[in-house]
C-alpha atoms as a PDB file:
ATOM      1  CA  UNK A   1     -19.132-127.511-171.984  1.00  0.00           C
ATOM      2  CA  UNK A   2     -18.030-123.576-171.599  1.00  0.00           C
ATOM      3  CA  UNK A   3     -19.606-121.065-174.036  1.00  0.00           C
ATOM      4  CA  UNK A   4     -16.399-120.508-176.115  1.00  0.00           C
ATOM      5  CA  UNK A   5     -16.090-124.231-176.718  1.00  0.00           C
ATOM      6  CA  UNK A   6     -19.834-124.522-177.500  1.00  0.00           C
ATOM      7  CA  UNK A   7     -19.670-121.768-180.318  1.00  0.00           C
ATOM      8  CA  UNK A   8     -16.449-123.402-181.886  1.00  0.00           C
ATOM      9  CA  UNK A   9     -18.287-126.597-182.172  1.00  0.00           C
ATOM     10  CA  UNK A  10     -21.194-125.352-184.035  1.00  0.00           C
ATOM     11  CA  UNK A  11     -20.796-125.664-187.513  1.00  0.00           C
ATOM     12  CA  UNK A  12     -21.608-122.396-188.447  1.00  0.00           C
ATOM     13  CA  UNK A  13     -18.617-120.835-186.533  1.00  0.00           C
ATOM     14  CA  UNK A  14     -16.150-123.490-186.712  1.00  0.00           C
ATOM     15  CA  UNK A  15     -14.159-121.584-189.200  1.00  0.00           C
ATOM     16  CA  UNK A  16     -13.289-118.524-186.949  1.00  0.00           C
ATOM     17  CA  UNK A  17     -10.952-120.837-185.177  1.00  0.00           C
ATOM     18  CA  UNK A  18      -8.815-121.542-188.144  1.00  0.00           C
ATOM     19  CA  UNK A  19      -9.192-118.159-189.856  1.00  0.00           C
ATOM     20  CA  UNK A  20      -6.028-116.059-189.373  1.00  0.00           C
ATOM     21  CA  UNK A  21      -7.905-112.686-189.423  1.00  0.00           C
ATOM     22  CA  UNK A  22      -9.246-113.756-185.962  1.00  0.00           C
ATOM     23  CA  UNK A  23      -5.933-115.079-184.584  1.00  0.00           C
ATOM     24  CA  UNK A  24      -4.489-112.426-182.061  1.00  0.00           C
ATOM     25  CA  UNK A  25      -1.719-110.403-182.961  1.00  0.00           C
ATOM     26  CA  UNK A  26       1.533-111.604-182.059  1.00  0.00           C
ATOM     27  CA  UNK A  27       3.666-109.105-179.407  1.00  0.00           C
ATOM     28  CA  UNK A  28       6.484-108.429-181.752  1.00  0.00           C
ATOM     29  CA  UNK A  29       4.131-107.138-184.442  1.00  0.00           C
ATOM     30  CA  UNK A  30       1.850-105.454-181.981  1.00  0.00           C
ATOM     31  CA  UNK A  31       4.102-102.501-181.339  1.00  0.00           C
ATOM     32  CA  UNK A  32       5.216-100.099-184.448  1.00  0.00           C
ATOM     33  CA  UNK A  33       9.082 -99.949-184.695  1.00  0.00           C
ATOM     34  CA  UNK A  34      10.611 -96.407-184.442  1.00  0.00           C
ATOM     35  CA  UNK A  35      14.038 -95.284-184.947  1.00  0.00           C
ATOM     36  CA  UNK A  36      16.494 -93.513-182.728  1.00  0.00           C
ATOM     37  CA  UNK A  37      15.346 -90.036-184.169  1.00  0.00           C
ATOM     38  CA  UNK A  38      12.241 -90.475-182.410  1.00  0.00           C
ATOM     39  CA  UNK A  39      13.501 -91.744-179.139  1.00  0.00           C
ATOM     40  CA  UNK A  40      13.221 -88.610-177.552  1.00  0.00           C
ATOM     41  CA  UNK A  41       9.367 -88.915-177.239  1.00  0.00           C
ATOM     42  CA  UNK A  42       9.846 -91.685-174.446  1.00  0.00           C
ATOM     43  CA  UNK A  43      11.417 -89.132-171.778  1.00  0.00           C
ATOM     44  CA  UNK A  44      10.969 -85.536-173.250  1.00  0.00           C
ATOM     45  CA  UNK A  45       8.517 -83.394-171.236  1.00  0.00           C
ATOM     46  CA  UNK A  46       6.868 -81.775-174.349  1.00  0.00           C
ATOM     47  CA  UNK A  47       5.335 -85.517-174.842  1.00  0.00           C
ATOM     48  CA  UNK A  48       4.108 -85.996-171.524  1.00  0.00           C
ATOM     49  CA  UNK A  49       0.421 -85.240-170.806  1.00  0.00           C
ATOM     50  CA  UNK A  50      -1.358 -86.393-167.464  1.00  0.00           C
ATOM     51  CA  UNK A  51      -4.985 -87.593-167.927  1.00  0.00           C
ATOM     52  CA  UNK A  52      -7.137 -87.352-164.977  1.00  0.00           C
ATOM     53  CA  UNK A  53     -10.430 -88.630-166.854  1.00  0.00           C
ATOM     54  CA  UNK A  54     -10.703 -91.143-169.763  1.00  0.00           C
ATOM     55  CA  UNK A  55     -12.906 -90.883-172.843  1.00  0.00           C
ATOM     56  CA  UNK A  56     -16.033 -91.850-170.792  1.00  0.00           C
ATOM     57  CA  UNK A  57     -15.517 -89.219-167.735  1.00  0.00           C
ATOM     58  CA  UNK A  58     -14.469 -92.160-165.524  1.00  0.00           C
ATOM     59  CA  UNK A  59     -11.503 -90.813-163.268  1.00  0.00           C
ATOM     60  CA  UNK A  60      -8.144 -92.407-164.117  1.00  0.00           C
ATOM     61  CA  UNK A  61      -4.573 -91.582-163.159  1.00  0.00           C
ATOM     62  CA  UNK A  62      -1.847 -92.385-166.101  1.00  0.00           C
ATOM     63  CA  UNK A  63       0.300 -90.498-168.705  1.00  0.00           C
ATOM     64  CA  UNK A  64       0.297 -90.509-172.344  1.00  0.00           C
ATOM     65  CA  UNK A  65       4.152 -91.535-171.639  1.00  0.00           C
ATOM     66  CA  UNK A  66       2.503 -94.879-170.772  1.00  0.00           C
ATOM     67  CA  UNK A  67       0.387 -95.492-173.933  1.00  0.00           C
ATOM     68  CA  UNK A  68       3.549 -94.525-175.953  1.00  0.00           C
ATOM     69  CA  UNK A  69       5.360 -97.446-174.445  1.00  0.00           C
ATOM     70  CA  UNK A  70       2.484 -99.472-175.073  1.00  0.00           C
ATOM     71  CA  UNK A  71       2.392 -98.725-178.507  1.00  0.00           C
ATOM     72  CA  UNK A  72       5.690 -97.844-179.702  1.00  0.00           C
ATOM     73  CA  UNK A  73       9.252 -99.649-179.452  1.00  0.00           C
ATOM     74  CA  UNK A  74      12.481 -98.693-180.682  1.00  0.00           C
ATOM     75  CA  UNK A  75      14.086-100.777-182.969  1.00  0.00           C
ATOM     76  CA  UNK A  76      16.323-103.484-182.143  1.00  0.00           C
ATOM     77  CA  UNK A  77      19.684-101.774-182.888  1.00  0.00           C
ATOM     78  CA  UNK A  78      18.406 -98.245-181.558  1.00  0.00           C
ATOM     79  CA  UNK A  79      17.171 -99.828-178.439  1.00  0.00           C
ATOM     80  CA  UNK A  80      20.601-100.609-177.348  1.00  0.00           C
ATOM     81  CA  UNK A  81      21.796 -97.113-177.850  1.00  0.00           C
ATOM     82  CA  UNK A  82      18.769 -95.650-176.217  1.00  0.00           C
ATOM     83  CA  UNK A  83      19.663 -97.615-172.955  1.00  0.00           C
ATOM     84  CA  UNK A  84      23.085 -96.347-172.952  1.00  0.00           C
ATOM     85  CA  UNK A  85      21.929 -92.866-173.832  1.00  0.00           C
ATOM     86  CA  UNK A  86      19.525 -92.722-170.888  1.00  0.00           C
ATOM     87  CA  UNK A  87      22.578 -93.730-168.707  1.00  0.00           C
ATOM     88  CA  UNK A  88      24.521 -90.911-169.992  1.00  0.00           C
ATOM     89  CA  UNK A  89      21.292 -88.570-169.324  1.00  0.00           C
ATOM     90  CA  UNK A  90      21.414 -89.471-165.655  1.00  0.00           C
ATOM     91  CA  UNK A  91      24.910 -89.004-165.028  1.00  0.00           C
ATOM     92  CA  UNK A  92      24.842 -85.647-166.830  1.00  0.00           C
ATOM     93  CA  UNK A  93      21.846 -84.691-164.740  1.00  0.00           C
ATOM     94  CA  UNK A  94      23.764 -85.756-161.454  1.00  0.00           C
ATOM     95  CA  UNK A  95      26.788 -83.691-162.411  1.00  0.00           C
ATOM     96  CA  UNK A  96      24.423 -80.663-163.195  1.00  0.00           C
ATOM     97  CA  UNK A  97      23.003 -81.116-159.500  1.00  0.00           C
ATOM     98  CA  UNK A  98      26.196 -81.548-157.940  1.00  0.00           C
ATOM     99  CA  UNK A  99      27.355 -78.445-159.746  1.00  0.00           C
ATOM    100  CA  UNK A 100      24.397 -76.102-158.655  1.00  0.00           C
ATOM    101  CA  UNK A 101      24.866 -77.257-155.187  1.00  0.00           C
ATOM    102  CA  UNK A 102      28.596 -76.434-154.943  1.00  0.00           C
ATOM    103  CA  UNK A 103      27.494 -73.035-156.656  1.00  0.00           C
ATOM    104  CA  UNK A 104      24.888 -72.683-153.773  1.00  0.00           C
ATOM    105  CA  UNK A 105      27.584 -73.461-151.074  1.00  0.00           C
ATOM    106  CA  UNK A 106      29.871 -70.430-151.903  1.00  0.00           C
END
Protein backbone atom coordinates (compact mmCIF):
# COMPACT_ATOMS: atom_id res chain seq x y z
CA UNK A 1 0.00 0.00 0.00
CA UNK A 2 1.40 3.40 -0.97
CA UNK A 3 1.66 6.23 1.50
CA UNK A 4 -1.16 8.18 -0.21
CA UNK A 5 -3.56 5.22 -0.05
CA UNK A 6 -2.56 4.60 3.55
CA UNK A 7 -3.38 8.18 4.49
CA UNK A 8 -6.76 8.11 2.74
CA UNK A 9 -7.71 4.82 4.36
CA UNK A 10 -6.99 6.29 7.79
CA UNK A 11 -10.25 7.40 9.39
CA UNK A 12 -8.84 10.71 10.55
CA UNK A 13 -8.02 11.83 7.01
CA UNK A 14 -10.71 10.10 4.95
CA UNK A 15 -12.71 13.33 4.55
CA UNK A 16 -9.80 14.90 2.62
CA UNK A 17 -10.57 12.83 -0.47
CA UNK A 18 -14.23 13.94 -0.52
CA UNK A 19 -13.75 17.57 0.48
CA UNK A 20 -13.78 19.96 -2.54
CA UNK A 21 -11.42 22.37 -0.77
CA UNK A 22 -8.59 19.91 -1.38
CA UNK A 23 -9.39 19.06 -5.01
CA UNK A 24 -7.05 20.27 -7.71
CA UNK A 25 -8.27 23.35 -9.53
CA UNK A 26 -9.50 22.68 -13.10
CA UNK A 27 -7.35 24.00 -15.94
CA UNK A 28 -10.14 26.27 -17.22
CA UNK A 29 -10.47 28.02 -13.87
CA UNK A 30 -6.75 28.15 -13.14
CA UNK A 31 -5.97 31.00 -15.50
CA UNK A 32 -7.41 34.49 -15.18
CA UNK A 33 -9.33 35.56 -18.29
CA UNK A 34 -8.36 38.96 -19.68
CA UNK A 35 -9.86 40.85 -22.59
CA UNK A 36 -8.30 42.33 -25.71
CA UNK A 37 -7.25 45.55 -23.97
CA UNK A 38 -4.46 43.69 -22.21
CA UNK A 39 -3.29 41.37 -24.98
CA UNK A 40 -0.25 43.56 -25.66
CA UNK A 41 1.39 42.31 -22.48
CA UNK A 42 2.04 38.95 -24.16
CA UNK A 43 4.23 40.41 -26.91
CA UNK A 44 5.23 43.95 -25.85
CA UNK A 45 8.88 44.46 -24.91
CA UNK A 46 7.92 46.60 -21.91
CA UNK A 47 6.48 43.54 -20.16
CA UNK A 48 9.40 41.21 -20.89
CA UNK A 49 11.95 40.72 -18.14
CA UNK A 50 14.73 38.14 -18.25
CA UNK A 51 15.39 36.33 -15.01
CA UNK A 52 18.80 34.88 -14.21
CA UNK A 53 18.16 33.67 -10.65
CA UNK A 54 15.04 32.59 -8.79
CA UNK A 55 13.97 33.86 -5.39
CA UNK A 56 16.37 31.48 -3.65
CA UNK A 57 19.40 32.45 -5.73
CA UNK A 58 19.45 29.39 -7.98
CA UNK A 59 20.29 30.07 -11.64
CA UNK A 60 17.31 29.96 -14.01
CA UNK A 61 16.74 30.91 -17.61
CA UNK A 62 13.21 32.14 -18.25
CA UNK A 63 11.32 35.35 -18.91
CA UNK A 64 8.34 37.07 -17.36
CA UNK A 65 6.38 36.43 -20.55
CA UNK A 66 6.33 32.73 -19.70
CA UNK A 67 4.81 33.57 -16.31
CA UNK A 68 2.18 35.76 -17.95
CA UNK A 69 1.16 32.92 -20.27
CA UNK A 70 1.07 30.56 -17.31
CA UNK A 71 -1.33 32.65 -15.22
CA UNK A 72 -3.36 34.63 -17.79
CA UNK A 73 -5.44 33.64 -20.81
CA UNK A 74 -7.28 35.76 -23.31
CA UNK A 75 -11.05 35.42 -23.16
CA UNK A 76 -12.62 33.09 -25.73
CA UNK A 77 -13.79 35.80 -28.13
CA UNK A 78 -10.55 37.75 -27.84
CA UNK A 79 -8.23 34.80 -28.39
CA UNK A 80 -9.45 34.52 -32.00
CA UNK A 81 -8.79 38.21 -32.47
CA UNK A 82 -5.34 37.98 -30.97
CA UNK A 83 -4.29 35.19 -33.34
CA UNK A 84 -5.37 37.18 -36.39
CA UNK A 85 -3.78 40.35 -34.97
CA UNK A 86 -0.48 38.58 -34.33
CA UNK A 87 -0.46 37.39 -37.95
CA UNK A 88 -1.11 40.94 -39.10
CA UNK A 89 1.76 42.21 -36.94
CA UNK A 90 4.14 39.66 -38.45
CA UNK A 91 3.13 40.73 -41.99
CA UNK A 92 3.66 44.41 -41.11
CA UNK A 93 7.11 43.67 -39.65
CA UNK A 94 8.12 41.78 -42.80
CA UNK A 95 6.96 44.68 -44.97
CA UNK A 96 8.98 47.14 -42.86
CA UNK A 97 12.10 45.00 -43.13
CA UNK A 98 11.72 44.75 -46.92
CA UNK A 99 11.21 48.52 -47.17
CA UNK A 100 14.34 49.18 -45.09
CA UNK A 101 16.32 46.74 -47.22
CA UNK A 102 15.26 48.50 -50.43
CA UNK A 103 16.18 51.92 -49.02
CA UNK A 104 19.65 50.65 -48.09
CA UNK A 105 20.23 49.33 -51.64
CA UNK A 106 19.74 52.77 -53.26
